[in-house]
């Protein structure tokens, strides 16, 4: 197991939309269920989540993806800002732009996907596209997956998964709401495991155990 990072854990949050996952982090922190501080929130576009972050008193910056010629240049700018903020962990919280993960952030970047990886994942599978595909396939369960992010879509080692039922009368919106409830439990759980130094990566698998000493 890795040694526990500093406490509280310094978590950078990357957003592209409304910031609902960020709001869940803040709620969990307020209720003493998530031992983190958030030194920086970064967005790849102007979005309502920026206002949510600023209203919460967080430092928030927009680094527009369209301002960079390619993924490498954009990734370099994003991770340089995260280094400057001394982030122990980076979380994709509805972040839609692809990033190349540098070596010094390997197994220090998490993402959450609104399905049970390896099903319904990969390029183009995000948001309601995922839930529409789940319903169209006739799945009886869906859920969410927290995983370490690497430089491929939805590819890194899985940390936490939660299941939810798919009901006969579900729409993409109703299923999304049920999956998001599971996300609100799964993402903080994964962050707590990381903060406690309880995650060991073995190839593409993760193993969790008792807190490191």
Protein backbone atom coordinates (compact mmCIF):
# COMPACT_ATOMS: atom_id res chain seq x y z
CA UNK A 1 0.00 0.00 0.00
CA UNK A 2 1.08 3.55 -0.60
CA UNK A 3 1.60 5.86 2.36
CA UNK A 4 -1.36 8.12 3.15
CA UNK A 5 -1.00 11.59 1.63
CA UNK A 6 -1.10 14.68 3.78
CA UNK A 7 -4.32 15.43 5.67
CA UNK A 8 -6.52 17.05 4.63
CA UNK A 9 -6.06 15.76 1.11
CA UNK A 10 -5.59 18.52 -1.48
CA UNK A 11 -8.00 17.68 -4.32
CA UNK A 12 -8.13 19.49 -7.64
CA UNK A 13 -11.55 19.33 -9.32
CA UNK A 14 -12.04 19.51 -13.10
CA UNK A 15 -15.47 20.46 -14.45
CA UNK A 16 -17.25 21.11 -17.73
CA UNK A 17 -20.88 21.55 -16.66
CA UNK A 18 -23.08 22.32 -13.69
CA UNK A 19 -20.70 21.26 -10.94
CA UNK A 20 -23.08 18.81 -9.25
CA UNK A 21 -20.26 16.41 -8.38
CA UNK A 22 -18.31 19.32 -6.92
CA UNK A 23 -21.39 20.21 -4.85
CA UNK A 24 -21.50 16.64 -3.54
CA UNK A 25 -17.83 16.84 -2.50
CA UNK A 26 -18.54 20.07 -0.62
CA UNK A 27 -21.58 18.56 1.10
CA UNK A 28 -19.63 15.47 2.15
CA UNK A 29 -16.82 17.67 3.47
CA UNK A 30 -19.24 19.83 5.43
CA UNK A 31 -20.71 16.70 7.02
CA UNK A 32 -17.22 15.44 7.99
CA UNK A 33 -17.40 12.51 5.59
CA UNK A 34 -14.67 13.67 3.22
CA UNK A 35 -11.30 14.86 4.62
CA UNK A 36 -10.32 17.14 1.75
CA UNK A 37 -9.59 20.71 0.81
CA UNK A 38 -10.07 21.99 -2.73
CA UNK A 39 -7.27 24.40 -3.65
CA UNK A 40 -8.35 24.77 -7.29
CA UNK A 41 -11.28 24.10 -9.60
CA UNK A 42 -10.51 24.13 -13.32
CA UNK A 43 -13.02 24.27 -16.18
CA UNK A 44 -12.35 23.69 -19.87
CA UNK A 45 -15.17 26.08 -20.85
CA UNK A 46 -17.47 28.69 -19.38
CA UNK A 47 -20.13 26.71 -17.52
CA UNK A 48 -22.51 27.09 -14.60
CA UNK A 49 -20.18 25.07 -12.40
CA UNK A 50 -17.75 28.00 -12.42
CA UNK A 51 -20.32 30.16 -10.66
CA UNK A 52 -21.07 27.34 -8.21
CA UNK A 53 -17.37 27.08 -7.33
CA UNK A 54 -16.92 30.82 -6.90
CA UNK A 55 -20.06 31.04 -4.77
CA UNK A 56 -18.54 28.38 -2.51
CA UNK A 57 -15.45 30.53 -2.09
CA UNK A 58 -13.18 28.27 -4.14
CA UNK A 59 -10.43 29.39 -6.49
CA UNK A 60 -11.72 28.64 -9.99
CA UNK A 61 -10.14 29.19 -13.39
CA UNK A 62 -11.19 28.52 -16.97
CA UNK A 63 -8.56 27.02 -19.28
CA UNK A 64 -10.40 26.83 -22.63
CA UNK A 65 -9.63 23.71 -24.64
CA UNK A 66 -10.16 25.65 -27.87
CA UNK A 67 -7.22 27.89 -27.00
CA UNK A 68 -4.76 25.03 -27.53
CA UNK A 69 -3.69 23.38 -30.76
CA UNK A 70 -3.72 19.84 -29.43
CA UNK A 71 -4.33 17.61 -26.43
CA UNK A 72 -0.68 17.63 -25.38
CA UNK A 73 -0.52 21.42 -25.10
CA UNK A 74 -3.84 21.60 -23.27
CA UNK A 75 -2.84 18.82 -20.88
CA UNK A 76 0.45 20.52 -20.12
CA UNK A 77 -1.31 23.75 -19.15
CA UNK A 78 -3.86 21.98 -16.96
CA UNK A 79 -1.35 19.88 -15.04
CA UNK A 80 1.04 22.78 -14.60
CA UNK A 81 -1.77 24.64 -12.81
CA UNK A 82 -2.54 21.56 -10.70
CA UNK A 83 1.12 21.28 -9.70
CA UNK A 84 1.14 24.94 -8.75
CA UNK A 85 -1.86 24.26 -6.48
CA UNK A 86 0.05 21.35 -4.88
CA UNK A 87 -2.77 18.87 -5.55
CA UNK A 88 -2.39 15.39 -4.07
CA UNK A 89 -5.27 14.07 -6.16
CA UNK A 90 -7.13 15.28 -9.26
CA UNK A 91 -10.78 14.43 -9.85
CA UNK A 92 -12.69 14.60 -13.12
CA UNK A 93 -16.12 15.87 -12.06
CA UNK A 94 -18.07 15.88 -15.30
CA UNK A 95 -14.95 16.97 -17.21
CA UNK A 96 -15.41 16.25 -20.92
CA UNK A 97 -12.04 17.13 -22.47
CA UNK A 98 -9.47 14.38 -22.89
CA UNK A 99 -6.17 14.82 -21.08
CA UNK A 100 -2.81 13.11 -21.34
CA UNK A 101 -1.90 12.07 -17.79
CA UNK A 102 1.77 12.85 -17.01
CA UNK A 103 3.94 10.35 -15.19
CA UNK A 104 4.01 12.32 -11.94
CA UNK A 105 0.21 12.12 -11.77
CA UNK A 106 -0.07 8.38 -12.54
CA UNK A 107 -2.67 6.86 -10.19
CA UNK A 108 -3.38 10.34 -8.82
CA UNK A 109 -6.23 11.22 -11.21
CA UNK A 110 -9.73 9.80 -10.73
CA UNK A 111 -12.76 9.78 -13.00
CA UNK A 112 -16.34 8.63 -12.52
CA UNK A 113 -18.30 7.07 -15.37
CA UNK A 114 -22.11 6.69 -15.28
CA UNK A 115 -22.14 2.99 -16.17
CA UNK A 116 -20.49 -0.26 -15.12
CA UNK A 117 -17.18 -0.30 -17.00
CA UNK A 118 -16.32 -2.03 -19.33
CA UNK A 119 -19.90 -1.72 -20.59
CA UNK A 120 -21.12 1.48 -22.26
CA UNK A 121 -17.86 3.36 -22.08
CA UNK A 122 -15.24 4.87 -24.36
CA UNK A 123 -15.18 7.83 -26.71
CA UNK A 124 -18.59 9.46 -27.15
CA UNK A 125 -20.15 7.64 -24.20
CA UNK A 126 -20.93 10.34 -21.70
CA UNK A 127 -23.97 11.87 -20.03
CA UNK A 128 -27.35 10.87 -21.45
CA UNK A 129 -25.70 8.99 -24.33
CA UNK A 130 -24.75 6.32 -21.79
CA UNK A 131 -28.19 6.01 -20.22
CA UNK A 132 -29.94 5.95 -23.59
CA UNK A 133 -27.65 3.10 -24.69
CA UNK A 134 -28.28 1.15 -21.46
CA UNK A 135 -32.05 1.41 -21.89
CA UNK A 136 -31.90 0.58 -25.61
CA UNK A 137 -29.93 -2.59 -24.84
CA UNK A 138 -32.53 -3.71 -22.30
CA UNK A 139 -30.16 -3.88 -19.35
CA UNK A 140 -31.69 -4.73 -15.99
CA UNK A 141 -28.92 -3.04 -13.97
CA UNK A 142 -26.62 -0.11 -14.51
CA UNK A 143 -24.55 1.97 -12.12
CA UNK A 144 -21.35 3.94 -11.89
CA UNK A 145 -17.62 3.28 -11.87
CA UNK A 146 -14.84 5.27 -10.20
CA UNK A 147 -11.47 4.52 -11.74
CA UNK A 148 -7.99 5.92 -12.03
CA UNK A 149 -7.78 7.88 -15.27
CA UNK A 150 -5.05 7.27 -17.80
CA UNK A 151 -4.64 8.71 -21.28
CA UNK A 152 -7.42 6.56 -22.79
CA UNK A 153 -11.16 7.01 -22.26
CA UNK A 154 -12.54 4.99 -19.31
CA UNK A 155 -9.53 2.67 -19.29
CA UNK A 156 -7.62 2.90 -15.98
CA UNK A 157 -7.84 0.57 -12.96
CA UNK A 158 -11.29 0.39 -11.34
CA UNK A 159 -11.64 1.57 -7.75
CA UNK A 160 -15.34 1.47 -6.80
CA UNK A 161 -18.51 0.36 -8.57
CA UNK A 162 -22.13 0.74 -7.48
CA UNK A 163 -25.19 -0.88 -9.09
CA UNK A 164 -28.69 0.51 -9.56
CA UNK A 165 -31.75 -1.13 -11.13
CA UNK A 166 -33.00 -0.17 -14.58
CA UNK A 167 -36.79 0.06 -14.37
CA UNK A 168 -39.20 -0.81 -17.16
CA UNK A 169 -40.46 2.76 -17.45
CA UNK A 170 -37.07 4.47 -17.15
CA UNK A 171 -36.09 7.35 -19.37
CA UNK A 172 -32.52 8.52 -19.76
CA UNK A 173 -33.28 11.30 -17.28
CA UNK A 174 -34.81 9.09 -14.59
CA UNK A 175 -31.99 6.56 -14.89
CA UNK A 176 -29.40 9.35 -14.79
CA UNK A 177 -30.89 10.63 -11.53
CA UNK A 178 -30.70 7.16 -9.95
CA UNK A 179 -27.14 6.64 -11.13
CA UNK A 180 -26.12 10.04 -9.79
CA UNK A 181 -27.35 9.03 -6.33
CA UNK A 182 -24.94 6.09 -6.54
CA UNK A 183 -22.17 8.40 -7.76
CA UNK A 184 -22.65 10.56 -4.67
CA UNK A 185 -21.68 7.54 -2.56
CA UNK A 186 -19.05 5.95 -4.80
CA UNK A 187 -16.81 8.94 -5.52
CA UNK A 188 -16.32 10.01 -1.88
CA UNK A 189 -15.70 6.36 -0.98
CA UNK A 190 -12.88 6.15 -3.53
CA UNK A 191 -11.37 9.42 -2.34
CA UNK A 192 -11.45 8.22 1.28
CA UNK A 193 -9.61 5.03 0.27
CA UNK A 194 -6.97 7.13 -1.46
CA UNK A 195 -6.67 9.51 1.49
CA UNK A 196 -6.13 6.55 3.84
CA UNK A 197 -3.39 5.07 1.63
CA UNK A 198 -5.43 1.90 1.16
CA UNK A 199 -5.11 1.49 -2.62
CA UNK A 200 -2.56 -0.77 -4.29
CA UNK A 201 -2.46 -1.03 -8.08
CA UNK A 202 -1.61 -4.41 -9.58
CA UNK A 203 -1.61 -4.12 -13.35
CA UNK A 204 -5.11 -2.97 -14.27
CA UNK A 205 -6.57 -4.07 -10.92
CA UNK A 206 -6.71 -2.27 -7.60
CA UNK A 207 -6.55 -3.95 -4.21
CA UNK A 208 -7.68 -2.23 -1.04
CA UNK A 209 -6.77 -3.19 2.49
CA UNK A 210 -6.22 -1.73 5.91
CA UNK A 211 -4.71 1.72 6.30
CA UNK A 212 -0.97 1.92 5.76
CA UNK A 213 1.21 2.39 8.82
